N, C-alpha and C. Protein backbone atom coordinates (compact mmCIF):
# COMPACT_ATOMS: atom_id res chain seq x y z
N MET A 1 0.84 -1.17 0.00
CA MET A 1 0.00 0.00 0.00
C MET A 1 0.89 1.24 0.00
N SER A 2 0.53 2.20 -0.80
CA SER A 2 1.29 3.45 -0.89
C SER A 2 1.01 4.34 0.30
N ASP A 3 1.99 5.19 0.65
CA ASP A 3 1.79 6.13 1.74
C ASP A 3 1.64 7.55 1.20
N ARG A 4 1.36 7.67 -0.06
CA ARG A 4 1.16 8.99 -0.65
C ARG A 4 -0.17 9.55 -0.17
N PRO A 5 -0.26 10.86 0.02
CA PRO A 5 -1.51 11.46 0.48
C PRO A 5 -2.65 11.23 -0.51
N VAL A 6 -3.83 11.07 0.01
CA VAL A 6 -5.03 10.90 -0.78
C VAL A 6 -5.93 12.08 -0.53
N THR A 7 -6.56 12.60 -1.57
CA THR A 7 -7.45 13.74 -1.39
C THR A 7 -8.82 13.25 -0.94
N THR A 8 -9.34 13.87 0.11
CA THR A 8 -10.66 13.56 0.64
C THR A 8 -11.29 14.90 1.03
N ASP A 9 -12.32 15.31 0.32
CA ASP A 9 -12.96 16.59 0.59
C ASP A 9 -11.95 17.74 0.61
N GLY A 10 -11.01 17.75 -0.34
CA GLY A 10 -10.07 18.84 -0.45
C GLY A 10 -8.93 18.79 0.54
N ALA A 11 -8.77 17.73 1.30
CA ALA A 11 -7.71 17.63 2.29
C ALA A 11 -6.93 16.34 2.07
N TRP A 12 -5.85 16.16 2.80
CA TRP A 12 -5.01 14.97 2.66
C TRP A 12 -5.34 13.92 3.70
N VAL A 13 -5.11 12.70 3.34
CA VAL A 13 -5.16 11.57 4.28
C VAL A 13 -4.16 10.55 3.75
N PRO A 14 -3.23 10.08 4.56
CA PRO A 14 -2.29 9.08 4.07
C PRO A 14 -2.98 7.74 3.85
N ASP A 15 -2.55 7.01 2.83
CA ASP A 15 -3.11 5.68 2.57
C ASP A 15 -2.95 4.75 3.76
N ALA A 16 -1.87 4.94 4.53
CA ALA A 16 -1.59 4.06 5.66
C ALA A 16 -2.56 4.25 6.82
N CYS A 17 -3.41 5.25 6.76
CA CYS A 17 -4.36 5.53 7.83
C CYS A 17 -5.39 4.41 7.92
N THR A 18 -5.64 3.93 9.14
CA THR A 18 -6.63 2.87 9.34
C THR A 18 -7.97 3.40 9.84
N LEU A 19 -8.10 4.71 9.95
CA LEU A 19 -9.37 5.30 10.35
C LEU A 19 -10.40 4.99 9.27
N PRO A 20 -11.59 4.52 9.64
CA PRO A 20 -12.60 4.24 8.63
C PRO A 20 -12.86 5.47 7.74
N THR A 21 -13.02 5.23 6.47
CA THR A 21 -13.19 6.31 5.50
C THR A 21 -14.31 7.26 5.88
N THR A 22 -15.39 6.74 6.44
CA THR A 22 -16.52 7.61 6.80
C THR A 22 -16.19 8.56 7.94
N GLU A 23 -15.17 8.23 8.76
CA GLU A 23 -14.78 9.10 9.88
C GLU A 23 -13.71 10.12 9.51
N ARG A 24 -13.09 9.96 8.36
CA ARG A 24 -11.98 10.83 7.97
C ARG A 24 -12.36 12.30 7.84
N PRO A 25 -13.49 12.65 7.23
CA PRO A 25 -13.82 14.08 7.14
C PRO A 25 -13.97 14.74 8.52
N LEU A 26 -14.48 14.02 9.50
CA LEU A 26 -14.60 14.57 10.85
C LEU A 26 -13.23 14.80 11.48
N ARG A 27 -12.31 13.85 11.31
CA ARG A 27 -10.95 14.00 11.86
C ARG A 27 -10.23 15.15 11.16
N LEU A 28 -10.40 15.23 9.84
CA LEU A 28 -9.77 16.33 9.10
C LEU A 28 -10.28 17.68 9.59
N ALA A 29 -11.57 17.74 9.87
CA ALA A 29 -12.14 18.99 10.40
C ALA A 29 -11.56 19.31 11.77
N GLU A 30 -11.32 18.29 12.59
CA GLU A 30 -10.69 18.52 13.90
C GLU A 30 -9.29 19.09 13.73
N TRP A 31 -8.49 18.51 12.83
CA TRP A 31 -7.14 19.02 12.58
C TRP A 31 -7.20 20.45 12.04
N ASP A 32 -8.14 20.69 11.14
CA ASP A 32 -8.27 22.05 10.60
C ASP A 32 -8.58 23.06 11.70
N ARG A 33 -9.48 22.71 12.61
CA ARG A 33 -9.79 23.60 13.75
C ARG A 33 -8.55 23.81 14.62
N PHE A 34 -7.82 22.72 14.86
CA PHE A 34 -6.61 22.80 15.66
C PHE A 34 -5.59 23.74 15.01
N PHE A 35 -5.36 23.55 13.71
CA PHE A 35 -4.41 24.42 13.01
C PHE A 35 -4.85 25.88 13.06
N THR A 36 -6.13 26.11 12.88
CA THR A 36 -6.66 27.47 12.87
C THR A 36 -6.62 28.11 14.25
N ASP A 37 -7.02 27.37 15.27
CA ASP A 37 -7.17 27.94 16.61
C ASP A 37 -5.91 27.90 17.47
N ALA A 38 -5.05 26.91 17.27
CA ALA A 38 -3.97 26.68 18.24
C ALA A 38 -2.56 26.94 17.72
N VAL A 39 -2.32 26.78 16.43
CA VAL A 39 -0.96 26.88 15.90
C VAL A 39 -0.57 28.34 15.70
N ARG A 40 0.58 28.70 16.27
CA ARG A 40 1.10 30.07 16.18
C ARG A 40 2.36 30.15 15.32
N GLY A 41 3.02 29.01 15.12
CA GLY A 41 4.22 28.97 14.30
C GLY A 41 4.52 27.55 13.89
N ILE A 42 5.27 27.41 12.79
CA ILE A 42 5.61 26.09 12.26
C ILE A 42 7.10 26.10 11.92
N ASP A 43 7.83 25.13 12.44
CA ASP A 43 9.25 24.99 12.16
C ASP A 43 9.50 23.60 11.59
N ARG A 44 10.11 23.54 10.42
CA ARG A 44 10.49 22.25 9.83
C ARG A 44 11.93 22.00 10.23
N LEU A 45 12.14 21.12 11.18
CA LEU A 45 13.47 20.86 11.72
C LEU A 45 14.27 19.89 10.87
N SER A 46 13.58 19.02 10.15
CA SER A 46 14.22 18.10 9.21
C SER A 46 13.11 17.52 8.34
N ALA A 47 13.49 16.70 7.37
CA ALA A 47 12.49 16.07 6.49
C ALA A 47 11.52 15.20 7.28
N ARG A 48 11.97 14.73 8.45
CA ARG A 48 11.16 13.82 9.27
C ARG A 48 10.61 14.46 10.54
N HIS A 49 10.88 15.74 10.76
CA HIS A 49 10.54 16.37 12.04
C HIS A 49 9.93 17.76 11.82
N LEU A 50 8.74 17.93 12.37
CA LEU A 50 8.00 19.18 12.29
C LEU A 50 7.67 19.62 13.70
N ARG A 51 7.79 20.93 13.97
CA ARG A 51 7.44 21.45 15.30
C ARG A 51 6.41 22.56 15.13
N PHE A 52 5.31 22.41 15.85
CA PHE A 52 4.29 23.44 15.91
C PHE A 52 4.47 24.22 17.20
N GLN A 53 4.50 25.53 17.10
CA GLN A 53 4.46 26.40 18.27
C GLN A 53 2.98 26.68 18.50
N LEU A 54 2.49 26.36 19.69
CA LEU A 54 1.06 26.43 19.97
C LEU A 54 0.74 27.54 20.96
N ASP A 55 -0.51 27.95 20.94
CA ASP A 55 -1.05 28.79 21.99
C ASP A 55 -0.81 28.02 23.29
N GLY A 56 -0.35 28.69 24.34
CA GLY A 56 0.02 28.00 25.57
C GLY A 56 -1.11 27.69 26.53
N ALA A 57 -2.34 27.96 26.15
CA ALA A 57 -3.47 27.74 27.05
C ALA A 57 -3.65 26.26 27.40
N ALA A 58 -4.12 26.01 28.61
CA ALA A 58 -4.34 24.64 29.07
C ALA A 58 -5.33 23.90 28.17
N ARG A 59 -6.34 24.59 27.68
CA ARG A 59 -7.33 23.93 26.80
C ARG A 59 -6.67 23.46 25.51
N VAL A 60 -5.66 24.19 25.02
CA VAL A 60 -4.94 23.78 23.81
C VAL A 60 -4.12 22.53 24.09
N GLU A 61 -3.49 22.47 25.24
CA GLU A 61 -2.72 21.27 25.60
C GLU A 61 -3.65 20.06 25.68
N GLU A 62 -4.79 20.23 26.29
CA GLU A 62 -5.76 19.13 26.40
C GLU A 62 -6.22 18.69 25.01
N MET A 63 -6.53 19.66 24.14
CA MET A 63 -6.97 19.36 22.78
C MET A 63 -5.86 18.62 22.02
N ALA A 64 -4.63 19.09 22.15
CA ALA A 64 -3.50 18.47 21.45
C ALA A 64 -3.28 17.03 21.93
N ARG A 65 -3.35 16.82 23.23
CA ARG A 65 -3.15 15.46 23.77
C ARG A 65 -4.23 14.51 23.26
N ASP A 66 -5.47 14.96 23.27
CA ASP A 66 -6.57 14.12 22.81
C ASP A 66 -6.45 13.81 21.31
N LEU A 67 -6.23 14.84 20.52
CA LEU A 67 -6.17 14.67 19.07
C LEU A 67 -4.98 13.80 18.66
N THR A 68 -3.82 14.03 19.24
CA THR A 68 -2.65 13.24 18.85
C THR A 68 -2.75 11.79 19.33
N ALA A 69 -3.38 11.56 20.46
CA ALA A 69 -3.58 10.18 20.92
C ALA A 69 -4.48 9.42 19.95
N ARG A 70 -5.55 10.06 19.52
CA ARG A 70 -6.45 9.41 18.57
C ARG A 70 -5.79 9.22 17.21
N GLU A 71 -4.99 10.20 16.79
CA GLU A 71 -4.31 10.09 15.50
C GLU A 71 -3.28 8.96 15.52
N SER A 72 -2.58 8.81 16.63
CA SER A 72 -1.59 7.73 16.76
C SER A 72 -2.24 6.36 16.65
N SER A 73 -3.50 6.26 17.05
CA SER A 73 -4.16 4.96 17.01
C SER A 73 -4.52 4.53 15.59
N CYS A 74 -4.66 5.47 14.66
CA CYS A 74 -4.99 5.09 13.28
C CYS A 74 -3.81 5.29 12.32
N CYS A 75 -2.88 6.13 12.68
CA CYS A 75 -1.68 6.38 11.87
C CYS A 75 -0.47 6.17 12.77
N SER A 76 -0.15 4.91 12.99
CA SER A 76 0.85 4.55 13.99
C SER A 76 2.27 5.00 13.64
N PHE A 77 2.50 5.44 12.42
CA PHE A 77 3.83 5.90 12.04
C PHE A 77 4.16 7.28 12.61
N PHE A 78 3.16 8.04 13.06
CA PHE A 78 3.40 9.33 13.68
C PHE A 78 3.94 9.15 15.10
N THR A 79 4.90 9.99 15.47
CA THR A 79 5.32 10.12 16.86
C THR A 79 5.08 11.56 17.25
N PHE A 80 4.29 11.77 18.29
CA PHE A 80 3.94 13.12 18.74
C PHE A 80 4.56 13.35 20.11
N GLY A 81 5.01 14.56 20.36
CA GLY A 81 5.54 14.93 21.66
C GLY A 81 5.17 16.36 22.00
N LEU A 82 4.54 16.54 23.15
CA LEU A 82 4.19 17.87 23.64
C LEU A 82 5.19 18.30 24.70
N SER A 83 5.57 19.56 24.66
CA SER A 83 6.48 20.07 25.69
C SER A 83 6.14 21.53 25.98
N ARG A 84 6.50 21.95 27.20
CA ARG A 84 6.33 23.34 27.63
C ARG A 84 7.71 23.92 27.89
N PRO A 85 8.27 24.62 26.89
CA PRO A 85 9.59 25.24 27.09
C PRO A 85 9.59 26.25 28.23
N ASP A 86 8.44 26.87 28.46
CA ASP A 86 8.24 27.76 29.60
C ASP A 86 6.75 27.76 29.91
N PRO A 87 6.33 28.34 31.03
CA PRO A 87 4.92 28.25 31.44
C PRO A 87 3.90 28.82 30.44
N ASP A 88 4.34 29.73 29.57
CA ASP A 88 3.40 30.37 28.64
C ASP A 88 3.45 29.83 27.22
N SER A 89 4.29 28.85 26.96
CA SER A 89 4.38 28.33 25.60
C SER A 89 4.24 26.82 25.58
N LEU A 90 3.85 26.33 24.42
CA LEU A 90 3.61 24.91 24.23
C LEU A 90 4.08 24.54 22.83
N SER A 91 4.80 23.43 22.71
CA SER A 91 5.28 22.95 21.42
C SER A 91 4.78 21.54 21.18
N LEU A 92 4.45 21.27 19.94
CA LEU A 92 4.06 19.92 19.51
C LEU A 92 5.05 19.48 18.44
N ASP A 93 5.82 18.44 18.75
CA ASP A 93 6.75 17.85 17.78
C ASP A 93 6.05 16.68 17.11
N VAL A 94 6.22 16.62 15.78
CA VAL A 94 5.66 15.52 14.99
C VAL A 94 6.81 14.90 14.21
N LEU A 95 7.03 13.62 14.43
CA LEU A 95 8.10 12.90 13.73
C LEU A 95 7.51 11.72 12.97
N VAL A 96 8.13 11.43 11.83
CA VAL A 96 7.72 10.29 11.01
C VAL A 96 8.96 9.57 10.50
N PRO A 97 8.83 8.29 10.16
CA PRO A 97 9.94 7.60 9.49
C PRO A 97 10.15 8.21 8.10
N ALA A 98 11.33 8.03 7.54
CA ALA A 98 11.65 8.60 6.22
C ALA A 98 10.63 8.22 5.16
N ALA A 99 10.09 7.02 5.22
CA ALA A 99 9.11 6.57 4.22
C ALA A 99 7.83 7.38 4.24
N HIS A 100 7.59 8.14 5.31
CA HIS A 100 6.37 8.92 5.44
C HIS A 100 6.61 10.43 5.42
N ALA A 101 7.77 10.85 4.94
CA ALA A 101 8.09 12.28 4.88
C ALA A 101 7.08 13.05 4.02
N ASP A 102 6.54 12.40 2.98
CA ASP A 102 5.54 13.08 2.15
C ASP A 102 4.26 13.38 2.92
N VAL A 103 3.92 12.54 3.88
CA VAL A 103 2.75 12.79 4.72
C VAL A 103 3.02 13.99 5.63
N LEU A 104 4.23 14.08 6.15
CA LEU A 104 4.60 15.23 6.97
C LEU A 104 4.60 16.51 6.14
N ASP A 105 5.04 16.42 4.89
CA ASP A 105 4.98 17.57 3.97
C ASP A 105 3.54 18.06 3.84
N ALA A 106 2.62 17.13 3.64
CA ALA A 106 1.21 17.48 3.47
C ALA A 106 0.63 18.08 4.74
N LEU A 107 1.01 17.53 5.89
CA LEU A 107 0.55 18.05 7.17
C LEU A 107 1.04 19.47 7.38
N ALA A 108 2.30 19.71 7.08
CA ALA A 108 2.88 21.06 7.23
C ALA A 108 2.19 22.05 6.31
N GLU A 109 1.96 21.66 5.08
CA GLU A 109 1.30 22.57 4.13
C GLU A 109 -0.13 22.87 4.56
N ARG A 110 -0.83 21.86 5.03
CA ARG A 110 -2.20 22.08 5.51
C ARG A 110 -2.20 23.05 6.69
N ALA A 111 -1.29 22.84 7.61
CA ALA A 111 -1.21 23.72 8.78
C ALA A 111 -0.88 25.15 8.37
N ARG A 112 0.08 25.32 7.47
CA ARG A 112 0.44 26.68 7.01
C ARG A 112 -0.74 27.38 6.36
N SER A 113 -1.54 26.65 5.64
CA SER A 113 -2.66 27.26 4.94
C SER A 113 -3.81 27.66 5.88
N LEU A 114 -3.84 27.07 7.08
CA LEU A 114 -4.98 27.28 7.98
C LEU A 114 -4.66 27.97 9.29
N ARG A 115 -3.39 28.05 9.67
CA ARG A 115 -3.05 28.54 11.01
C ARG A 115 -3.48 29.98 11.20
N ALA A 116 -3.69 30.31 12.49
CA ALA A 116 -4.11 31.65 12.86
C ALA A 116 -2.99 32.64 12.52
N PRO A 117 -3.33 33.86 12.13
CA PRO A 117 -2.31 34.85 11.84
C PRO A 117 -1.47 35.16 13.11
N SER A 118 -0.20 35.48 12.88
CA SER A 118 0.69 35.80 14.02
C SER A 118 0.38 37.14 14.60
């Protein structure tokens, strides 16, 4: 099975995703809301590593933990890590194996297109 992104309602979904097709538009909408409401900056640290600078609010941390836990259950190639560099900031690291760098590319592009203005 290919890991190239698949278009679903104008958004990407990797072929390796095991989330039922009927649930994908809802998950995509959740990610879109997250990118719009929570992401303040995006840093591409390597082909396999992406870092989102997030709004530091506790509700954002809770949302990120919930969303990434559910995403890991259907797209097990993702590795997510949340950290608080200081009390007012929050970072979400997303790592993938080299074979899935194209999925990370699509995730980064989607986030850039939807994130809240700085």
